[in-house]
Amino acid sequence: MPKLLFFSRVAFICNICFLLTWVMRYGPPIPQGHVATTVLILGIGLSVFLNVIINLFIIVLLVQRKLQKEHNPQWLAIANALFLIAQLILLVK
């Protein structure tokens, strides 16, 4: 279960990068560099993939009633689920 917490946190960081990528799309241009490309790769490429896997794993654990709250905080699971909904809406759009 500690791996679930680790990957949930990584997915949350990637989701924040997704949010930054979305803001960069409509905001003023930022200078190209290592930070901008890292945020783009984490935000566009990795966030959707990792978020789907983490949320499916959490759903499976909830169905099996094996998810323990001390291993995965509720706010983190809810935040990742909300980001997944936003990502799916933006991808379908």
C-alpha atoms as a PDB file:
ATOM      1  CA  MET A   1       0.000   0.000   0.000  1.00  0.00           C
ATOM      2  CA  PRO A   2       2.837   2.514   0.468  1.00  0.00           C
ATOM      3  CA  LYS A   3       3.401   2.229  -3.289  1.00  0.00           C
ATOM      4  CA  LEU A   4      -0.185   3.372  -3.847  1.00  0.00           C
ATOM      5  CA  LEU A   5       0.433   6.476  -1.745  1.00  0.00           C
ATOM      6  CA  PHE A   6       3.653   7.202  -3.626  1.00  0.00           C
ATOM      7  CA  PHE A   7       2.058   6.840  -7.057  1.00  0.00           C
ATOM      8  CA  SER A   8      -0.990   8.818  -5.951  1.00  0.00           C
ATOM      9  CA  ARG A   9       1.300  11.669  -4.969  1.00  0.00           C
ATOM     10  CA  VAL A  10       3.184  11.419  -8.270  1.00  0.00           C
ATOM     11  CA  ALA A  11      -0.148  11.467 -10.112  1.00  0.00           C
ATOM     12  CA  PHE A  12      -1.166  14.562  -8.143  1.00  0.00           C
ATOM     13  CA  ILE A  13       2.071  16.328  -9.102  1.00  0.00           C
ATOM     14  CA  CYS A  14       1.487  15.353 -12.734  1.00  0.00           C
ATOM     15  CA  ASN A  15      -2.063  16.692 -12.454  1.00  0.00           C
ATOM     16  CA  ILE A  16      -0.714  20.019 -11.192  1.00  0.00           C
ATOM     17  CA  CYS A  17       1.569  20.044 -14.248  1.00  0.00           C
ATOM     18  CA  PHE A  18      -1.508  19.337 -16.378  1.00  0.00           C
ATOM     19  CA  LEU A  19      -3.167  22.380 -14.832  1.00  0.00           C
ATOM     20  CA  LEU A  20      -0.064  24.479 -15.499  1.00  0.00           C
ATOM     21  CA  THR A  21       0.021  23.232 -19.100  1.00  0.00           C
ATOM     22  CA  TRP A  22      -3.595  24.226 -19.554  1.00  0.00           C
ATOM     23  CA  VAL A  23      -2.902  27.674 -18.069  1.00  0.00           C
ATOM     24  CA  MET A  24       0.194  28.088 -20.297  1.00  0.00           C
ATOM     25  CA  ARG A  25      -1.995  27.439 -23.300  1.00  0.00           C
ATOM     26  CA  TYR A  26      -4.116  30.522 -22.613  1.00  0.00           C
ATOM     27  CA  GLY A  27      -1.665  32.679 -20.688  1.00  0.00           C
ATOM     28  CA  PRO A  28       1.371  34.634 -21.772  1.00  0.00           C
ATOM     29  CA  PRO A  29       4.130  32.607 -23.419  1.00  0.00           C
ATOM     30  CA  ILE A  30       6.889  31.417 -21.152  1.00  0.00           C
ATOM     31  CA  PRO A  31      10.503  31.079 -22.240  1.00  0.00           C
ATOM     32  CA  GLN A  32      11.416  27.679 -23.584  1.00  0.00           C
ATOM     33  CA  GLY A  33      13.693  25.669 -21.338  1.00  0.00           C
ATOM     34  CA  HIS A  34      14.024  22.574 -19.237  1.00  0.00           C
ATOM     35  CA  VAL A  35      11.299  23.544 -16.775  1.00  0.00           C
ATOM     36  CA  ALA A  36       8.735  24.309 -19.485  1.00  0.00           C
ATOM     37  CA  THR A  37       9.390  21.071 -21.354  1.00  0.00           C
ATOM     38  CA  THR A  38       9.261  19.034 -18.127  1.00  0.00           C
ATOM     39  CA  VAL A  39       5.918  20.594 -17.192  1.00  0.00           C
ATOM     40  CA  LEU A  40       4.585  19.903 -20.697  1.00  0.00           C
ATOM     41  CA  ILE A  41       5.711  16.276 -20.704  1.00  0.00           C
ATOM     42  CA  LEU A  42       4.365  15.591 -17.207  1.00  0.00           C
ATOM     43  CA  GLY A  43       1.169  17.546 -17.879  1.00  0.00           C
ATOM     44  CA  ILE A  44       0.218  16.184 -21.270  1.00  0.00           C
ATOM     45  CA  GLY A  45       1.883  12.808 -21.526  1.00  0.00           C
ATOM     46  CA  LEU A  46       2.164  11.285 -18.115  1.00  0.00           C
ATOM     47  CA  SER A  47      -0.728  12.799 -16.167  1.00  0.00           C
ATOM     48  CA  VAL A  48      -3.576  11.188 -18.093  1.00  0.00           C
ATOM     49  CA  PHE A  49      -1.907   7.777 -18.268  1.00  0.00           C
ATOM     50  CA  LEU A  50      -0.904   7.673 -14.605  1.00  0.00           C
ATOM     51  CA  ASN A  51      -4.173   9.173 -13.399  1.00  0.00           C
ATOM     52  CA  VAL A  52      -6.252   6.519 -15.170  1.00  0.00           C
ATOM     53  CA  ILE A  53      -4.159   3.712 -13.693  1.00  0.00           C
ATOM     54  CA  ILE A  54      -4.238   5.127 -10.151  1.00  0.00           C
ATOM     55  CA  ASN A  55      -7.994   5.761 -10.225  1.00  0.00           C
ATOM     56  CA  LEU A  56      -8.727   2.282 -11.606  1.00  0.00           C
ATOM     57  CA  PHE A  57      -6.553   0.754  -8.899  1.00  0.00           C
ATOM     58  CA  ILE A  58      -8.340   2.763  -6.193  1.00  0.00           C
ATOM     59  CA  ILE A  59     -11.744   1.707  -7.580  1.00  0.00           C
ATOM     60  CA  VAL A  60     -10.692  -1.946  -7.528  1.00  0.00           C
ATOM     61  CA  LEU A  61      -9.523  -1.609  -3.924  1.00  0.00           C
ATOM     62  CA  LEU A  62     -12.774   0.119  -2.957  1.00  0.00           C
ATOM     63  CA  VAL A  63     -14.823  -2.679  -4.511  1.00  0.00           C
ATOM     64  CA  GLN A  64     -12.744  -5.272  -2.679  1.00  0.00           C
ATOM     65  CA  ARG A  65     -12.984  -3.162   0.516  1.00  0.00           C
ATOM     66  CA  LYS A  66      -9.215  -3.283   0.969  1.00  0.00           C
ATOM     67  CA  LEU A  67      -8.485   0.435   0.717  1.00  0.00           C
ATOM     68  CA  GLN A  68      -7.255   1.819   4.004  1.00  0.00           C
ATOM     69  CA  LYS A  69      -7.506   5.546   4.614  1.00  0.00           C
ATOM     70  CA  GLU A  70      -4.114   5.824   6.261  1.00  0.00           C
ATOM     71  CA  HIS A  71      -2.466   4.505   3.089  1.00  0.00           C
ATOM     72  CA  ASN A  72      -4.292   6.873   0.743  1.00  0.00           C
ATOM     73  CA  PRO A  73      -5.860  10.081   2.074  1.00  0.00           C
ATOM     74  CA  GLN A  74      -9.376  10.872   0.884  1.00  0.00           C
ATOM     75  CA  TRP A  75      -8.510  14.350  -0.345  1.00  0.00           C
ATOM     76  CA  LEU A  76      -5.810  12.899  -2.608  1.00  0.00           C
ATOM     77  CA  ALA A  77      -8.137  10.320  -4.135  1.00  0.00           C
ATOM     78  CA  ILE A  78     -10.869  12.926  -4.659  1.00  0.00           C
ATOM     79  CA  ALA A  79      -8.442  15.430  -6.194  1.00  0.00           C
ATOM     80  CA  ASN A  80      -7.068  12.810  -8.593  1.00  0.00           C
ATOM     81  CA  ALA A  81     -10.601  11.774  -9.555  1.00  0.00           C
ATOM     82  CA  LEU A  82     -11.607  15.386 -10.241  1.00  0.00           C
ATOM     83  CA  PHE A  83      -8.508  15.906 -12.350  1.00  0.00           C
ATOM     84  CA  LEU A  84      -9.339  12.731 -14.281  1.00  0.00           C
ATOM     85  CA  ILE A  85     -12.830  14.028 -15.042  1.00  0.00           C
ATOM     86  CA  ALA A  86     -11.374  17.333 -16.251  1.00  0.00           C
ATOM     87  CA  GLN A  87      -8.794  15.516 -18.366  1.00  0.00           C
ATOM     88  CA  LEU A  88     -11.388  13.299 -19.994  1.00  0.00           C
ATOM     89  CA  ILE A  89     -13.611  16.302 -20.758  1.00  0.00           C
ATOM     90  CA  LEU A  90     -10.702  18.183 -22.329  1.00  0.00           C
ATOM     91  CA  LEU A  91      -9.558  15.145 -24.309  1.00  0.00           C
ATOM     92  CA  VAL A  92     -13.014  14.436 -25.705  1.00  0.00           C
ATOM     93  CA  LYS A  93     -13.536  18.101 -26.525  1.00  0.00           C
END
